[in-house]
Amino acid sequence: MPRKLATQVPATMSRLLQSTLVQAPPTWYGPVLANPPPVTPSRQVAARARPDAAKKYDDLPALRVDERREGHTRTHHTKNYREPKLRSTPIVYEADRIRRQFFVDFPFEALRPVSLVEGPAIVAPNPVDGPAWTQLAQRGAYPTVEDVIAFTSNLHRHHQLSLSDAYAQATSEFVDLRATHEMATLAASAEARHYGATFKRDEWDRVFDLEGRALGDVSSYGPQRIRQPSTVYRKPKVWYSYVKRSSIQHEYSGAKDYVQRWRLPAAIEVDAPVEGDLVSAIGANTAAAETAVPEPQREDEMDDLELMASILGTTDKA
């Protein structure tokens, strides 16, 4: 018999007895039905009693049950015990953190040109460093961005200042030195212009020159040549078959000449009725027509040949 849970053994034996595979019930069948085994939840270890002090052997360690993980599935426990993936620790330098914060506070410093070309020799490090470097002005009256970053790190390492306090002190001295340099530059340029010096026009002056030149070109046209915008609605031009009267060379007759050309000649009038058959009537009419004096043709009438020639667009060639 395969292995079964304790609660499944009586039910399995009952099915075997009903199927007559087992003829007689075993001896334990009655007591098990009278006292069924307790239902134990799956994946739960029964609590073990701690051994008494009089016992000479060590019992198994007590099961540590975390109440926060009660009711979680097996997958959850396996996931928590899984080995974490090995990932490289991000490399972050202190100078990079200071530089990032500096350009957030002073973004226009990134627009200043900096030469990246190396010289023929390696520049020696500045002698002012370590505990002796207490002010930013010790490295010059015009400090650069790298000077501010190095000064902040120096205050943090050698003068036992927090990184925030060191950064605040360095940026404060940086602003003071830049303001002093700007005022000195303005005073020097004003003094040089007073003595007749000329400087190259900067970007603002060049823009103003272009603007003045454009305004001068507009003013040269005059008010009559400047087209003012109109808000009046104008109907768009549409082509139509209309001929101006001035474009016609001869006098316009209202298409009377055109209609007159298509007028048919007058019908032949017979004075006396003709009696007899049709052939004799045609002959009599022909003889009468030959003996009759032809009437002068009016100018507005045309004969049959002229009519056909005008229709076909041909002329008579004698």
C-alpha atoms as a PDB file:
ATOM      1  CA  MET A   1       0.000   0.000   0.000  1.00  0.00           C
ATOM      2  CA  PRO A   2       1.383   3.405  -0.843  1.00  0.00           C
ATOM      3  CA  ARG A   3       2.018   5.944   1.831  1.00  0.00           C
ATOM      4  CA  LYS A   4      -1.036   7.941   2.918  1.00  0.00           C
ATOM      5  CA  LEU A   5      -1.779  10.697   5.328  1.00  0.00           C
ATOM      6  CA  ALA A   6      -3.186   9.617   8.667  1.00  0.00           C
ATOM      7  CA  THR A   7      -6.627  11.002   7.883  1.00  0.00           C
ATOM      8  CA  GLN A   8      -6.753   9.183   4.537  1.00  0.00           C
ATOM      9  CA  VAL A   9      -6.050   5.666   5.848  1.00  0.00           C
ATOM     10  CA  PRO A  10      -9.592   4.846   7.160  1.00  0.00           C
ATOM     11  CA  ALA A  11     -11.236   6.156   3.968  1.00  0.00           C
ATOM     12  CA  THR A  12      -8.868   4.125   1.794  1.00  0.00           C
ATOM     13  CA  MET A  13      -9.627   0.925   3.772  1.00  0.00           C
ATOM     14  CA  SER A  14     -13.381   1.562   3.450  1.00  0.00           C
ATOM     15  CA  ARG A  15     -13.090   1.737  -0.347  1.00  0.00           C
ATOM     16  CA  LEU A  16     -11.026  -1.460  -0.423  1.00  0.00           C
ATOM     17  CA  LEU A  17     -13.683  -3.304   1.619  1.00  0.00           C
ATOM     18  CA  GLN A  18     -16.469  -2.099  -0.668  1.00  0.00           C
ATOM     19  CA  SER A  19     -14.577  -3.253  -3.749  1.00  0.00           C
ATOM     20  CA  THR A  20     -14.031  -6.745  -2.135  1.00  0.00           C
ATOM     21  CA  LEU A  21     -10.304  -6.463  -2.664  1.00  0.00           C
ATOM     22  CA  VAL A  22      -9.994  -6.945   1.093  1.00  0.00           C
ATOM     23  CA  GLN A  23     -12.336  -9.666   2.361  1.00  0.00           C
ATOM     24  CA  ALA A  24     -12.189  -8.960   6.106  1.00  0.00           C
ATOM     25  CA  PRO A  25     -11.439  -5.693   7.885  1.00  0.00           C
ATOM     26  CA  PRO A  26      -8.116  -5.527   9.719  1.00  0.00           C
ATOM     27  CA  THR A  27      -7.888  -5.433  13.490  1.00  0.00           C
ATOM     28  CA  TRP A  28      -7.050  -1.705  13.694  1.00  0.00           C
ATOM     29  CA  TYR A  29      -9.952  -0.663  11.500  1.00  0.00           C
ATOM     30  CA  GLY A  30     -12.536  -0.477  14.317  1.00  0.00           C
ATOM     31  CA  PRO A  31     -10.401   1.502  16.805  1.00  0.00           C
ATOM     32  CA  VAL A  32      -9.336   3.968  14.077  1.00  0.00           C
ATOM     33  CA  LEU A  33     -12.951   4.621  13.133  1.00  0.00           C
ATOM     34  CA  ALA A  34     -13.806   5.117  16.796  1.00  0.00           C
ATOM     35  CA  ASN A  35     -10.851   7.441  17.376  1.00  0.00           C
ATOM     36  CA  PRO A  36      -9.982   9.184  14.074  1.00  0.00           C
ATOM     37  CA  PRO A  37      -6.550  10.800  13.834  1.00  0.00           C
ATOM     38  CA  PRO A  38      -6.392  14.587  14.253  1.00  0.00           C
ATOM     39  CA  VAL A  39      -6.274  16.763  11.163  1.00  0.00           C
ATOM     40  CA  THR A  40      -2.838  18.368  10.968  1.00  0.00           C
ATOM     41  CA  PRO A  41      -2.348  21.289   8.565  1.00  0.00           C
ATOM     42  CA  SER A  42       0.082  20.569   5.781  1.00  0.00           C
ATOM     43  CA  ARG A  43       3.643  21.926   6.048  1.00  0.00           C
ATOM     44  CA  GLN A  44       3.320  22.569   9.772  1.00  0.00           C
ATOM     45  CA  VAL A  45       5.742  21.159  12.295  1.00  0.00           C
ATOM     46  CA  ALA A  46       4.365  20.206  15.619  1.00  0.00           C
ATOM     47  CA  ALA A  47       5.758  22.127  18.556  1.00  0.00           C
ATOM     48  CA  ARG A  48       8.355  20.141  20.499  1.00  0.00           C
ATOM     49  CA  ALA A  49       8.713  20.351  24.235  1.00  0.00           C
ATOM     50  CA  ARG A  50      12.016  21.576  25.505  1.00  0.00           C
ATOM     51  CA  PRO A  51      13.995  18.941  27.420  1.00  0.00           C
ATOM     52  CA  ASP A  52      14.177  19.088  31.159  1.00  0.00           C
ATOM     53  CA  ALA A  53      17.382  20.001  32.911  1.00  0.00           C
ATOM     54  CA  ALA A  54      17.658  16.434  34.244  1.00  0.00           C
ATOM     55  CA  LYS A  55      17.945  15.024  30.734  1.00  0.00           C
ATOM     56  CA  LYS A  56      21.455  14.305  29.523  1.00  0.00           C
ATOM     57  CA  TYR A  57      20.847  14.885  25.781  1.00  0.00           C
ATOM     58  CA  ASP A  58      20.253  17.994  23.681  1.00  0.00           C
ATOM     59  CA  ASP A  59      16.929  18.269  22.001  1.00  0.00           C
ATOM     60  CA  LEU A  60      16.382  19.763  18.518  1.00  0.00           C
ATOM     61  CA  PRO A  61      16.366  23.582  18.407  1.00  0.00           C
ATOM     62  CA  ALA A  62      13.007  25.230  18.735  1.00  0.00           C
ATOM     63  CA  LEU A  63      11.307  26.185  15.486  1.00  0.00           C
ATOM     64  CA  ARG A  64      11.443  29.885  14.868  1.00  0.00           C
ATOM     65  CA  VAL A  65       8.166  31.042  13.436  1.00  0.00           C
ATOM     66  CA  ASP A  66       7.918  34.532  11.993  1.00  0.00           C
ATOM     67  CA  GLU A  67       4.413  35.821  12.529  1.00  0.00           C
ATOM     68  CA  ARG A  68       4.778  38.327   9.669  1.00  0.00           C
ATOM     69  CA  ARG A  69       5.237  35.449   7.204  1.00  0.00           C
ATOM     70  CA  GLU A  70       2.320  33.353   8.385  1.00  0.00           C
ATOM     71  CA  GLY A  71       0.040  32.335   5.541  1.00  0.00           C
ATOM     72  CA  HIS A  72       2.586  32.963   2.793  1.00  0.00           C
ATOM     73  CA  THR A  73       3.048  30.399   0.073  1.00  0.00           C
ATOM     74  CA  ARG A  74       6.019  28.175  -0.479  1.00  0.00           C
ATOM     75  CA  THR A  75       7.083  30.259  -3.469  1.00  0.00           C
ATOM     76  CA  HIS A  76       7.269  33.295  -1.246  1.00  0.00           C
ATOM     77  CA  HIS A  77       9.610  31.545   1.201  1.00  0.00           C
ATOM     78  CA  THR A  78      11.755  30.230  -1.633  1.00  0.00           C
ATOM     79  CA  LYS A  79      11.973  33.700  -3.126  1.00  0.00           C
ATOM     80  CA  ASN A  80      13.134  35.168   0.172  1.00  0.00           C
ATOM     81  CA  TYR A  81      15.817  32.532   0.602  1.00  0.00           C
ATOM     82  CA  ARG A  82      17.053  32.922  -2.960  1.00  0.00           C
ATOM     83  CA  GLU A  83      20.553  34.215  -3.436  1.00  0.00           C
ATOM     84  CA  PRO A  84      20.627  37.857  -4.547  1.00  0.00           C
ATOM     85  CA  LYS A  85      22.099  38.644  -7.943  1.00  0.00           C
ATOM     86  CA  LEU A  86      25.604  39.969  -7.939  1.00  0.00           C
ATOM     87  CA  ARG A  87      25.613  43.565  -9.124  1.00  0.00           C
ATOM     88  CA  SER A  88      28.463  45.947  -9.331  1.00  0.00           C
ATOM     89  CA  THR A  89      28.404  48.755  -6.826  1.00  0.00           C
ATOM     90  CA  PRO A  90      28.027  52.156  -8.514  1.00  0.00           C
ATOM     91  CA  ILE A  91      31.240  54.155  -8.391  1.00  0.00           C
ATOM     92  CA  VAL A  92      30.476  57.662  -7.147  1.00  0.00           C
ATOM     93  CA  TYR A  93      33.187  60.172  -6.374  1.00  0.00           C
ATOM     94  CA  GLU A  94      32.784  63.037  -3.995  1.00  0.00           C
ATOM     95  CA  ALA A  95      33.942  65.539  -6.610  1.00  0.00           C
ATOM     96  CA  ASP A  96      31.214  64.367  -9.013  1.00  0.00           C
ATOM     97  CA  ARG A  97      28.505  65.031  -6.437  1.00  0.00           C
ATOM     98  CA  ILE A  98      29.872  68.534  -5.777  1.00  0.00           C
ATOM     99  CA  ARG A  99      30.198  69.255  -9.514  1.00  0.00           C
ATOM    100  CA  ARG A 100      26.633  68.144 -10.222  1.00  0.00           C
ATOM    101  CA  GLN A 101      25.214  70.385  -7.501  1.00  0.00           C
ATOM    102  CA  PHE A 102      27.408  73.311  -8.578  1.00  0.00           C
ATOM    103  CA  PHE A 103      26.096  73.281 -12.155  1.00  0.00           C
ATOM    104  CA  VAL A 104      22.543  73.068 -10.854  1.00  0.00           C
ATOM    105  CA  ASP A 105      23.096  76.281  -8.873  1.00  0.00           C
ATOM    106  CA  PHE A 106      25.271  78.018 -11.503  1.00  0.00           C
ATOM    107  CA  PRO A 107      24.133  76.698 -14.902  1.00  0.00           C
ATOM    108  CA  PHE A 108      25.647  79.592 -16.888  1.00  0.00           C
ATOM    109  CA  GLU A 109      29.138  78.568 -15.854  1.00  0.00           C
ATOM    110  CA  ALA A 110      28.809  75.629 -18.251  1.00  0.00           C
ATOM    111  CA  LEU A 111      28.614  78.103 -21.174  1.00  0.00           C
ATOM    112  CA  ARG A 112      32.065  79.540 -20.553  1.00  0.00           C
ATOM    113  CA  PRO A 113      34.635  78.151 -23.007  1.00  0.00           C
ATOM    114  CA  VAL A 114      37.243  75.836 -21.516  1.00  0.00           C
ATOM    115  CA  SER A 115      40.278  74.604 -23.429  1.00  0.00           C
ATOM    116  CA  LEU A 116      40.763  70.832 -23.318  1.00  0.00           C
ATOM    117  CA  VAL A 117      44.060  70.858 -25.205  1.00  0.00           C
ATOM    118  CA  GLU A 118      46.956  69.597 -23.130  1.00  0.00           C
ATOM    119  CA  GLY A 119      50.115  71.615 -23.013  1.00  0.00           C
ATOM    120  CA  PRO A 120      53.622  70.374 -23.785  1.00  0.00           C
ATOM    121  CA  ALA A 121      54.221  69.623 -20.105  1.00  0.00           C
ATOM    122  CA  ILE A 122      52.097  68.496 -17.186  1.00  0.00           C
ATOM    123  CA  VAL A 123      51.082  71.433 -15.036  1.00  0.00           C
ATOM    124  CA  ALA A 124      52.431  71.157 -11.516  1.00  0.00           C
ATOM    125  CA  PRO A 125      49.802  70.998  -8.775  1.00  0.00           C
ATOM    126  CA  ASN A 126      49.006  74.183  -6.945  1.00  0.00           C
ATOM    127  CA  PRO A 127      51.157  74.524  -3.849  1.00  0.00           C
ATOM    128  CA  VAL A 128      48.217  75.904  -1.887  1.00  0.00           C
ATOM    129  CA  ASP A 129      46.495  72.766  -0.626  1.00  0.00           C
ATOM    130  CA  GLY A 130      45.655  70.868   2.518  1.00  0.00           C
ATOM    131  CA  PRO A 131      45.226  72.599   5.884  1.00  0.00           C
ATOM    132  CA  ALA A 132      46.976  75.750   4.576  1.00  0.00           C
ATOM    133  CA  TRP A 133      44.185  76.377   2.049  1.00  0.00           C
ATOM    134  CA  THR A 134      41.584  78.315   4.038  1.00  0.00           C
ATOM    135  CA  GLN A 135      40.304  80.808   1.434  1.00  0.00           C
ATOM    136  CA  LEU A 136      39.371  80.427  -2.213  1.00  0.00           C
ATOM    137  CA  ALA A 137      41.223  83.630  -3.136  1.00  0.00           C
ATOM    138  CA  GLN A 138      44.551  81.944  -2.336  1.00  0.00           C
ATOM    139  CA  ARG A 139      44.460  80.381  -5.826  1.00  0.00           C
ATOM    140  CA  GLY A 140      43.729  83.609  -7.697  1.00  0.00           C
ATOM    141  CA  ALA A 141      41.226  86.411  -8.034  1.00  0.00           C
ATOM    142  CA  TYR A 142      39.340  84.592 -10.818  1.00  0.00           C
ATOM    143  CA  PRO A 143      38.624  81.037  -9.588  1.00  0.00           C
ATOM    144  CA  THR A 144      37.380  78.378 -11.964  1.00  0.00           C
ATOM    145  CA  VAL A 145      34.786  75.677 -11.433  1.00  0.00           C
ATOM    146  CA  GLU A 146      37.421  73.076 -10.628  1.00  0.00           C
ATOM    147  CA  ASP A 147      38.925  75.409  -8.008  1.00  0.00           C
ATOM    148  CA  VAL A 148      35.562  75.632  -6.257  1.00  0.00           C
ATOM    149  CA  ILE A 149      35.141  71.832  -6.284  1.00  0.00           C
ATOM    150  CA  ALA A 150      38.666  71.259  -4.966  1.00  0.00           C
ATOM    151  CA  PHE A 151      38.182  73.905  -2.251  1.00  0.00           C
ATOM    152  CA  THR A 152      34.926  72.269  -1.119  1.00  0.00           C
ATOM    153  CA  SER A 153      36.588  68.849  -0.838  1.00  0.00           C
ATOM    154  CA  ASN A 154      39.562  70.390   0.995  1.00  0.00           C
ATOM    155  CA  LEU A 155      37.326  72.034   3.606  1.00  0.00           C
ATOM    156  CA  HIS A 156      35.462  68.767   4.099  1.00  0.00           C
ATOM    157  CA  ARG A 157      38.592  66.647   4.557  1.00  0.00           C
ATOM    158  CA  HIS A 158      41.070  68.889   6.345  1.00  0.00           C
ATOM    159  CA  HIS A 159      38.894  71.368   8.233  1.00  0.00           C
ATOM    160  CA  GLN A 160      36.269  68.941   9.579  1.00  0.00           C
ATOM    161  CA  LEU A 161      33.323  70.714   7.951  1.00  0.00           C
ATOM    162  CA  SER A 162      30.275  68.902   6.687  1.00  0.00           C
ATOM    163  CA  LEU A 163      29.911  68.689   2.953  1.00  0.00           C
ATOM    164  CA  SER A 164      26.932  71.074   2.988  1.00  0.00           C
ATOM    165  CA  ASP A 165      28.756  73.715   5.056  1.00  0.00           C
ATOM    166  CA  ALA A 166      31.917  73.402   2.961  1.00  0.00           C
ATOM    167  CA  TYR A 167      29.906  73.797  -0.261  1.00  0.00           C
ATOM    168  CA  ALA A 168      28.063  76.856   1.083  1.00  0.00           C
ATOM    169  CA  GLN A 169      31.333  78.549   2.108  1.00  0.00           C
ATOM    170  CA  ALA A 170      33.045  77.789  -1.205  1.00  0.00           C
ATOM    171  CA  THR A 171      30.165  79.069  -3.362  1.00  0.00           C
ATOM    172  CA  SER A 172      29.830  82.220  -1.234  1.00  0.00           C
ATOM    173  CA  GLU A 173      33.494  83.103  -1.746  1.00  0.00           C
ATOM    174  CA  PHE A 174      33.163  82.225  -5.448  1.00  0.00           C
ATOM    175  CA  VAL A 175      30.301  84.722  -5.915  1.00  0.00           C
ATOM    176  CA  ASP A 176      32.225  87.462  -4.082  1.00  0.00           C
ATOM    177  CA  LEU A 177      35.347  86.980  -6.201  1.00  0.00           C
ATOM    178  CA  ARG A 178      33.387  86.949  -9.471  1.00  0.00           C
ATOM    179  CA  ALA A 179      31.526  90.140  -8.512  1.00  0.00           C
ATOM    180  CA  THR A 180      34.806  91.853  -7.629  1.00  0.00           C
ATOM    181  CA  HIS A 181      36.317  90.806 -10.936  1.00  0.00           C
ATOM    182  CA  GLU A 182      33.299  92.076 -12.903  1.00  0.00           C
ATOM    183  CA  MET A 183      33.348  95.507 -11.229  1.00  0.00           C
ATOM    184  CA  ALA A 184      37.103  95.813 -11.792  1.00  0.00           C
ATOM    185  CA  THR A 185      36.639  94.920 -15.478  1.00  0.00           C
ATOM    186  CA  LEU A 186      33.933  97.559 -15.967  1.00  0.00           C
ATOM    187  CA  ALA A 187      36.037 100.228 -14.283  1.00  0.00           C
ATOM    188  CA  ALA A 188      39.096  99.331 -16.368  1.00  0.00           C
ATOM    189  CA  SER A 189      37.131  99.425 -19.655  1.00  0.00           C
ATOM    190  CA  ALA A 190      35.591 102.806 -18.784  1.00  0.00           C
ATOM    191  CA  GLU A 191      38.999 104.221 -17.988  1.00  0.00           C
ATOM    192  CA  ALA A 192      40.449 102.846 -21.239  1.00  0.00           C
ATOM    193  CA  ARG A 193      37.643 104.399 -23.313  1.00  0.00           C
ATOM    194  CA  HIS A 194      38.252 107.694 -21.558  1.00  0.00           C
ATOM    195  CA  TYR A 195      41.825 107.681 -22.833  1.00  0.00           C
ATOM    196  CA  GLY A 196      40.751 106.819 -26.392  1.00  0.00           C
ATOM    197  CA  ALA A 197      40.872 103.036 -26.496  1.00  0.00           C
ATOM    198  CA  THR A 198      38.429 101.178 -28.758  1.00  0.00           C
ATOM    199  CA  PHE A 199      37.148  97.657 -28.201  1.00  0.00           C
ATOM    200  CA  LYS A 200      35.590  95.093 -30.474  1.00  0.00           C
ATOM    201  CA  ARG A 201      31.832  95.296 -30.498  1.00  0.00           C
ATOM    202  CA  ASP A 202      30.232  92.553 -28.440  1.00  0.00           C
ATOM    203  CA  GLU A 203      27.204  90.435 -29.304  1.00  0.00           C
ATOM    204  CA  TRP A 204      24.639  92.919 -28.010  1.00  0.00           C
ATOM    205  CA  ASP A 205      26.095  95.818 -29.998  1.00  0.00           C
ATOM    206  CA  ARG A 206      26.113  93.733 -33.187  1.00  0.00           C
ATOM    207  CA  VAL A 207      22.455  92.794 -32.689  1.00  0.00           C
ATOM    208  CA  PHE A 208      21.517  96.440 -32.161  1.00  0.00           C
ATOM    209  CA  ASP A 209      23.395  97.384 -35.346  1.00  0.00           C
ATOM    210  CA  LEU A 210      21.450  94.827 -37.362  1.00  0.00           C
ATOM    211  CA  GLU A 211      18.176  96.036 -35.891  1.00  0.00           C
ATOM    212  CA  GLY A 212      18.955  99.667 -36.757  1.00  0.00           C
ATOM    213  CA  ARG A 213      19.920  98.712 -40.292  1.00  0.00           C
ATOM    214  CA  ALA A 214      16.645  96.850 -40.780  1.00  0.00           C
ATOM    215  CA  LEU A 215      14.616  99.785 -39.446  1.00  0.00           C
ATOM    216  CA  GLY A 216      16.500 102.156 -41.780  1.00  0.00           C
ATOM    217  CA  ASP A 217      15.650 100.004 -44.775  1.00  0.00           C
ATOM    218  CA  VAL A 218      11.974 100.053 -43.872  1.00  0.00           C
ATOM    219  CA  SER A 219      11.905 103.823 -43.391  1.00  0.00           C
ATOM    220  CA  SER A 220      13.465 104.378 -46.838  1.00  0.00           C
ATOM    221  CA  TYR A 221      10.389 102.988 -48.554  1.00  0.00           C
ATOM    222  CA  GLY A 222       8.176 105.760 -47.265  1.00  0.00           C
ATOM    223  CA  PRO A 223       4.651 105.520 -45.902  1.00  0.00           C
ATOM    224  CA  GLN A 224       3.130 105.220 -49.398  1.00  0.00           C
ATOM    225  CA  ARG A 225       5.119 102.043 -50.173  1.00  0.00           C
ATOM    226  CA  ILE A 226       4.420 100.322 -46.926  1.00  0.00           C
ATOM    227  CA  ARG A 227       1.466  98.054 -47.363  1.00  0.00           C
ATOM    228  CA  GLN A 228      -0.896  98.244 -44.446  1.00  0.00           C
ATOM    229  CA  PRO A 229      -2.775  95.091 -43.551  1.00  0.00           C
ATOM    230  CA  SER A 230      -6.458  95.247 -44.500  1.00  0.00           C
ATOM    231  CA  THR A 231      -9.261  93.592 -42.599  1.00  0.00           C
ATOM    232  CA  VAL A 232     -11.859  94.076 -45.399  1.00  0.00           C
ATOM    233  CA  TYR A 233     -13.071  90.832 -46.906  1.00  0.00           C
ATOM    234  CA  ARG A 234     -12.251  90.484 -50.568  1.00  0.00           C
ATOM    235  CA  LYS A 235     -14.012  87.935 -52.714  1.00  0.00           C
ATOM    236  CA  PRO A 236     -11.522  85.634 -54.425  1.00  0.00           C
ATOM    237  CA  LYS A 237     -11.170  85.990 -58.178  1.00  0.00           C
ATOM    238  CA  VAL A 238     -13.100  83.406 -60.235  1.00  0.00           C
ATOM    239  CA  TRP A 239     -12.654  82.901 -63.978  1.00  0.00           C
ATOM    240  CA  TYR A 240     -15.705  83.574 -66.135  1.00  0.00           C
ATOM    241  CA  SER A 241     -16.265  83.847 -69.895  1.00  0.00           C
ATOM    242  CA  TYR A 242     -16.801  87.565 -70.169  1.00  0.00           C
ATOM    243  CA  VAL A 243     -15.305  89.572 -73.044  1.00  0.00           C
ATOM    244  CA  LYS A 244     -14.785  93.265 -72.594  1.00  0.00           C
ATOM    245  CA  ARG A 245     -16.473  95.462 -75.227  1.00  0.00           C
ATOM    246  CA  SER A 246     -13.222  97.338 -75.791  1.00  0.00           C
ATOM    247  CA  SER A 247     -11.464  94.159 -76.951  1.00  0.00           C
ATOM    248  CA  ILE A 248     -13.809  93.772 -79.988  1.00  0.00           C
ATOM    249  CA  GLN A 249     -12.384  95.453 -83.125  1.00  0.00           C
ATOM    250  CA  HIS A 250     -15.643  95.895 -85.173  1.00  0.00           C
ATOM    251  CA  GLU A 251     -19.067  96.976 -84.052  1.00  0.00           C
ATOM    252  CA  TYR A 252     -20.941  94.428 -82.002  1.00  0.00           C
ATOM    253  CA  SER A 253     -24.236  93.494 -83.612  1.00  0.00           C
ATOM    254  CA  GLY A 254     -25.548  91.090 -81.010  1.00  0.00           C
ATOM    255  CA  ALA A 255     -24.942  87.988 -83.226  1.00  0.00           C
ATOM    256  CA  LYS A 256     -27.244  89.215 -85.981  1.00  0.00           C
ATOM    257  CA  ASP A 257     -24.570  88.697 -88.637  1.00  0.00           C
ATOM    258  CA  TYR A 258     -24.027  85.147 -87.461  1.00  0.00           C
ATOM    259  CA  VAL A 259     -27.734  84.308 -87.655  1.00  0.00           C
ATOM    260  CA  GLN A 260     -28.138  86.000 -91.077  1.00  0.00           C
ATOM    261  CA  ARG A 261     -25.606  83.708 -92.691  1.00  0.00           C
ATOM    262  CA  TRP A 262     -27.646  80.669 -91.774  1.00  0.00           C
ATOM    263  CA  ARG A 263     -30.931  81.975 -93.216  1.00  0.00           C
ATOM    264  CA  LEU A 264     -32.426  79.672 -95.884  1.00  0.00           C
ATOM    265  CA  PRO A 265     -33.565  81.040 -99.287  1.00  0.00           C
ATOM    266  CA  ALA A 266     -37.259  81.680 -99.941  1.00  0.00           C
ATOM    267  CA  ALA A 267     -39.406  78.834-101.248  1.00  0.00           C
ATOM    268  CA  ILE A 268     -40.430  78.648-104.953  1.00  0.00           C
ATOM    269  CA  GLU A 269     -43.932  79.947-105.501  1.00  0.00           C
ATOM    270  CA  VAL A 270     -46.113  78.404-108.233  1.00  0.00           C
ATOM    271  CA  ASP A 271     -48.658  80.844-109.752  1.00  0.00           C
ATOM    272  CA  ALA A 272     -51.130  78.318-111.315  1.00  0.00           C
ATOM    273  CA  PRO A 273     -51.980  74.844-110.127  1.00  0.00           C
ATOM    274  CA  VAL A 274     -50.667  72.021-112.303  1.00  0.00           C
ATOM    275  CA  GLU A 275     -52.940  69.187-113.264  1.00  0.00           C
ATOM    276  CA  GLY A 276     -51.813  65.734-114.317  1.00  0.00           C
ATOM    277  CA  ASP A 277     -49.246  63.329-113.025  1.00  0.00           C
ATOM    278  CA  LEU A 278     -46.207  64.219-110.964  1.00  0.00           C
ATOM    279  CA  VAL A 279     -43.682  63.871-113.855  1.00  0.00           C
ATOM    280  CA  SER A 280     -45.559  66.258-116.096  1.00  0.00           C
ATOM    281  CA  ALA A 281     -45.980  68.635-113.223  1.00  0.00           C
ATOM    282  CA  ILE A 282     -42.251  68.638-112.560  1.00  0.00           C
ATOM    283  CA  GLY A 283     -41.578  69.202-116.289  1.00  0.00           C
ATOM    284  CA  ALA A 284     -44.097  72.014-116.474  1.00  0.00           C
ATOM    285  CA  ASN A 285     -42.598  73.631-113.421  1.00  0.00           C
ATOM    286  CA  THR A 286     -39.140  73.297-114.929  1.00  0.00           C
ATOM    287  CA  ALA A 287     -40.202  74.857-118.217  1.00  0.00           C
ATOM    288  CA  ALA A 288     -41.966  77.650-116.421  1.00  0.00           C
ATOM    289  CA  ALA A 289     -38.889  78.275-114.362  1.00  0.00           C
ATOM    290  CA  GLU A 290     -36.694  78.431-117.448  1.00  0.00           C
ATOM    291  CA  THR A 291     -39.012  80.834-119.292  1.00  0.00           C
ATOM    292  CA  ALA A 292     -39.558  82.963-116.249  1.00  0.00           C
ATOM    293  CA  VAL A 293     -37.470  86.022-115.812  1.00  0.00           C
ATOM    294  CA  PRO A 294     -35.179  85.501-112.809  1.00  0.00           C
ATOM    295  CA  GLU A 295     -35.719  87.947-110.044  1.00  0.00           C
ATOM    296  CA  PRO A 296     -32.708  89.802-108.766  1.00  0.00           C
ATOM    297  CA  GLN A 297     -31.229  88.035-105.706  1.00  0.00           C
ATOM    298  CA  ARG A 298     -31.155  89.974-102.540  1.00  0.00           C
ATOM    299  CA  GLU A 299     -27.988  90.482-100.695  1.00  0.00           C
ATOM    300  CA  ASP A 300     -29.273  88.704 -97.591  1.00  0.00           C
ATOM    301  CA  GLU A 301     -30.126  85.511 -99.547  1.00  0.00           C
ATOM    302  CA  MET A 302     -27.841  82.767-100.829  1.00  0.00           C
ATOM    303  CA  ASP A 303     -28.341  79.904-103.236  1.00  0.00           C
ATOM    304  CA  ASP A 304     -28.018  76.213-102.348  1.00  0.00           C
ATOM    305  CA  LEU A 305     -24.420  75.886-103.526  1.00  0.00           C
ATOM    306  CA  GLU A 306     -23.330  78.798-101.440  1.00  0.00           C
ATOM    307  CA  LEU A 307     -25.199  77.358 -98.450  1.00  0.00           C
ATOM    308  CA  MET A 308     -23.518  73.965 -98.795  1.00  0.00           C
ATOM    309  CA  ALA A 309     -20.144  75.594 -99.337  1.00  0.00           C
ATOM    310  CA  SER A 310     -20.580  77.662 -96.211  1.00  0.00           C
ATOM    311  CA  ILE A 311     -21.583  74.552 -94.234  1.00  0.00           C
ATOM    312  CA  LEU A 312     -18.660  72.471 -95.481  1.00  0.00           C
ATOM    313  CA  GLY A 313     -16.229  75.368 -95.266  1.00  0.00           C
ATOM    314  CA  THR A 314     -15.193  75.192 -98.926  1.00  0.00           C
ATOM    315  CA  THR A 315     -15.248  77.702-101.808  1.00  0.00           C
ATOM    316  CA  ASP A 316     -16.152  77.251-105.477  1.00  0.00           C
ATOM    317  CA  LYS A 317     -13.231  76.940-107.800  1.00  0.00           C
ATOM    318  CA  ALA A 318     -14.069  77.703-111.430  1.00  0.00           C
END
